[in-house]
Amino acid sequence: MGTEAFAMILLLVGLLVYFLPIVIVALRDVEGRAAGGIVLTNLFLGWTLIGWLIAFIWACGAESRMKRKRAARNRAAILVARANRKSSRSMANSSSGPRTYGATDHVS
């Protein structure tokens, strides 16, 4: 293996490391402003170590589309459970049998 092949491999590895935040965004399926911000930060400030670290940490911490869907499903399940609990309480209160009246409440 010559020095040109080694240089080519080194260049490819360097490019992969440089664009790693963008690869993470694509693999984690991050969407919206977070994805755009990560890509722009990496492209314009990635050449500085601080800019690359910001993009990398942001990409690792950004909420993925799958995580957002799972959270929405959990919130919906909680709301349905609360509604079921509330309706079962009202059903239990209304089906406790005939109402009994006291001596003063008796209807003639």
C-alpha atoms as a PDB file:
ATOM      1  CA  MET A   1       0.000   0.000   0.000  1.00  0.00           C
ATOM      2  CA  GLY A   2       1.496   3.266  -1.103  1.00  0.00           C
ATOM      3  CA  THR A   3       1.414   6.622   0.540  1.00  0.00           C
ATOM      4  CA  GLU A   4      -1.319   7.784  -1.849  1.00  0.00           C
ATOM      5  CA  ALA A   5      -3.672   5.000  -0.712  1.00  0.00           C
ATOM      6  CA  PHE A   6      -2.869   5.769   2.914  1.00  0.00           C
ATOM      7  CA  ALA A   7      -3.555   9.456   2.303  1.00  0.00           C
ATOM      8  CA  MET A   8      -6.870   8.594   0.624  1.00  0.00           C
ATOM      9  CA  ILE A   9      -7.943   6.402   3.549  1.00  0.00           C
ATOM     10  CA  LEU A  10      -6.899   9.099   6.007  1.00  0.00           C
ATOM     11  CA  LEU A  11      -8.892  11.694   4.040  1.00  0.00           C
ATOM     12  CA  LEU A  12     -12.008   9.489   4.008  1.00  0.00           C
ATOM     13  CA  VAL A  13     -11.756   8.780   7.739  1.00  0.00           C
ATOM     14  CA  GLY A  14     -11.250  12.496   8.393  1.00  0.00           C
ATOM     15  CA  LEU A  15     -14.321  13.400   6.334  1.00  0.00           C
ATOM     16  CA  LEU A  16     -16.384  10.760   8.123  1.00  0.00           C
ATOM     17  CA  VAL A  17     -15.330  12.138  11.505  1.00  0.00           C
ATOM     18  CA  TYR A  18     -15.971  15.714  10.353  1.00  0.00           C
ATOM     19  CA  PHE A  19     -19.490  14.879   9.139  1.00  0.00           C
ATOM     20  CA  LEU A  20     -20.265  12.520  12.045  1.00  0.00           C
ATOM     21  CA  PRO A  21     -22.869  14.880  13.578  1.00  0.00           C
ATOM     22  CA  ILE A  22     -24.738  14.950  10.261  1.00  0.00           C
ATOM     23  CA  VAL A  23     -24.557  11.152  10.024  1.00  0.00           C
ATOM     24  CA  ILE A  24     -25.975  10.879  13.559  1.00  0.00           C
ATOM     25  CA  VAL A  25     -28.825  13.239  12.649  1.00  0.00           C
ATOM     26  CA  ALA A  26     -29.661  11.117   9.608  1.00  0.00           C
ATOM     27  CA  LEU A  27     -29.484   7.812  11.477  1.00  0.00           C
ATOM     28  CA  ARG A  28     -31.539   9.016  14.431  1.00  0.00           C
ATOM     29  CA  ASP A  29     -34.119  10.602  12.109  1.00  0.00           C
ATOM     30  CA  VAL A  30     -34.015  14.006  13.776  1.00  0.00           C
ATOM     31  CA  GLU A  31     -36.345  16.460  12.096  1.00  0.00           C
ATOM     32  CA  GLY A  32     -37.163  20.124  12.027  1.00  0.00           C
ATOM     33  CA  ARG A  33     -35.145  23.017  13.314  1.00  0.00           C
ATOM     34  CA  ALA A  34     -32.838  20.827  15.358  1.00  0.00           C
ATOM     35  CA  ALA A  35     -31.672  18.929  12.290  1.00  0.00           C
ATOM     36  CA  GLY A  36     -31.148  22.120  10.307  1.00  0.00           C
ATOM     37  CA  GLY A  37     -29.277  23.765  13.141  1.00  0.00           C
ATOM     38  CA  ILE A  38     -27.001  20.778  13.608  1.00  0.00           C
ATOM     39  CA  VAL A  39     -26.209  20.584   9.900  1.00  0.00           C
ATOM     40  CA  LEU A  40     -25.500  24.327   9.620  1.00  0.00           C
ATOM     41  CA  THR A  41     -23.412  24.361  12.796  1.00  0.00           C
ATOM     42  CA  ASN A  42     -21.374  21.437  11.555  1.00  0.00           C
ATOM     43  CA  LEU A  43     -20.884  22.863   8.063  1.00  0.00           C
ATOM     44  CA  PHE A  44     -19.925  26.388   9.081  1.00  0.00           C
ATOM     45  CA  LEU A  45     -18.340  25.906  12.514  1.00  0.00           C
ATOM     46  CA  GLY A  46     -17.289  22.272  12.389  1.00  0.00           C
ATOM     47  CA  TRP A  47     -13.762  23.158  11.355  1.00  0.00           C
ATOM     48  CA  THR A  48     -13.283  24.586  14.849  1.00  0.00           C
ATOM     49  CA  LEU A  49     -13.130  22.018  17.591  1.00  0.00           C
ATOM     50  CA  ILE A  50     -15.734  23.903  19.645  1.00  0.00           C
ATOM     51  CA  GLY A  51     -18.195  24.090  16.722  1.00  0.00           C
ATOM     52  CA  TRP A  52     -17.775  20.396  15.984  1.00  0.00           C
ATOM     53  CA  LEU A  53     -18.268  19.470  19.665  1.00  0.00           C
ATOM     54  CA  ILE A  54     -21.420  21.611  19.850  1.00  0.00           C
ATOM     55  CA  ALA A  55     -22.830  19.928  16.726  1.00  0.00           C
ATOM     56  CA  PHE A  56     -21.858  16.462  17.988  1.00  0.00           C
ATOM     57  CA  ILE A  57     -23.402  16.914  21.451  1.00  0.00           C
ATOM     58  CA  TRP A  58     -26.500  18.508  19.932  1.00  0.00           C
ATOM     59  CA  ALA A  59     -26.875  15.617  17.473  1.00  0.00           C
ATOM     60  CA  CYS A  60     -26.558  13.025  20.234  1.00  0.00           C
ATOM     61  CA  GLY A  61     -29.056  14.819  22.456  1.00  0.00           C
ATOM     62  CA  ALA A  62     -31.625  15.836  19.840  1.00  0.00           C
ATOM     63  CA  GLU A  63     -35.000  14.187  20.084  1.00  0.00           C
ATOM     64  CA  SER A  64     -35.572  11.687  17.317  1.00  0.00           C
ATOM     65  CA  ARG A  65     -38.844  11.329  15.441  1.00  0.00           C
ATOM     66  CA  MET A  66     -39.377   7.847  16.896  1.00  0.00           C
ATOM     67  CA  LYS A  67     -38.918   9.111  20.449  1.00  0.00           C
ATOM     68  CA  ARG A  68     -41.393  11.937  19.789  1.00  0.00           C
ATOM     69  CA  LYS A  69     -43.986   9.492  18.432  1.00  0.00           C
ATOM     70  CA  ARG A  70     -43.504   7.197  21.425  1.00  0.00           C
ATOM     71  CA  ALA A  71     -43.967  10.127  23.830  1.00  0.00           C
ATOM     72  CA  ALA A  72     -47.148  11.216  22.019  1.00  0.00           C
ATOM     73  CA  ARG A  73     -48.490   7.661  22.196  1.00  0.00           C
ATOM     74  CA  ASN A  74     -47.755   7.527  25.932  1.00  0.00           C
ATOM     75  CA  ARG A  75     -49.502  10.864  26.506  1.00  0.00           C
ATOM     76  CA  ALA A  76     -52.524   9.637  24.555  1.00  0.00           C
ATOM     77  CA  ALA A  77     -52.627   6.406  26.571  1.00  0.00           C
ATOM     78  CA  ILE A  78     -52.513   8.381  29.820  1.00  0.00           C
ATOM     79  CA  LEU A  79     -55.377  10.619  28.673  1.00  0.00           C
ATOM     80  CA  VAL A  80     -57.466   7.607  27.657  1.00  0.00           C
ATOM     81  CA  ALA A  81     -56.794   5.907  30.992  1.00  0.00           C
ATOM     82  CA  ARG A  82     -57.848   9.049  32.874  1.00  0.00           C
ATOM     83  CA  ALA A  83     -61.023   9.327  30.813  1.00  0.00           C
ATOM     84  CA  ASN A  84     -61.836   5.661  31.439  1.00  0.00           C
ATOM     85  CA  ARG A  85     -61.216   6.054  35.153  1.00  0.00           C
ATOM     86  CA  LYS A  86     -63.399   9.153  35.313  1.00  0.00           C
ATOM     87  CA  SER A  87     -66.241   7.497  33.406  1.00  0.00           C
ATOM     88  CA  SER A  88     -66.043   4.332  35.532  1.00  0.00           C
ATOM     89  CA  ARG A  89     -66.304   6.465  38.690  1.00  0.00           C
ATOM     90  CA  SER A  90     -69.365   8.271  37.399  1.00  0.00           C
ATOM     91  CA  MET A  91     -70.887   4.942  36.353  1.00  0.00           C
ATOM     92  CA  ALA A  92     -70.211   3.497  39.806  1.00  0.00           C
ATOM     93  CA  ASN A  93     -71.825   6.494  41.488  1.00  0.00           C
ATOM     94  CA  SER A  94     -74.903   6.420  39.273  1.00  0.00           C
ATOM     95  CA  SER A  95     -75.413   2.647  39.435  1.00  0.00           C
ATOM     96  CA  SER A  96     -75.269   2.304  43.201  1.00  0.00           C
ATOM     97  CA  GLY A  97     -78.956   1.432  43.320  1.00  0.00           C
ATOM     98  CA  PRO A  98     -82.164   3.377  43.751  1.00  0.00           C
ATOM     99  CA  ARG A  99     -81.924   6.562  45.663  1.00  0.00           C
ATOM    100  CA  THR A 100     -83.473   6.424  49.088  1.00  0.00           C
ATOM    101  CA  TYR A 101     -85.157   9.481  50.455  1.00  0.00           C
ATOM    102  CA  GLY A 102     -85.210  10.574  54.048  1.00  0.00           C
ATOM    103  CA  ALA A 103     -88.396  11.364  55.954  1.00  0.00           C
ATOM    104  CA  THR A 104     -88.355  15.008  54.877  1.00  0.00           C
ATOM    105  CA  ASP A 105     -87.406  14.246  51.282  1.00  0.00           C
ATOM    106  CA  HIS A 106     -90.265  11.800  50.670  1.00  0.00           C
ATOM    107  CA  VAL A 107     -92.340  12.648  47.683  1.00  0.00           C
ATOM    108  CA  SER A 108     -96.049  12.023  48.023  1.00  0.00           C
END
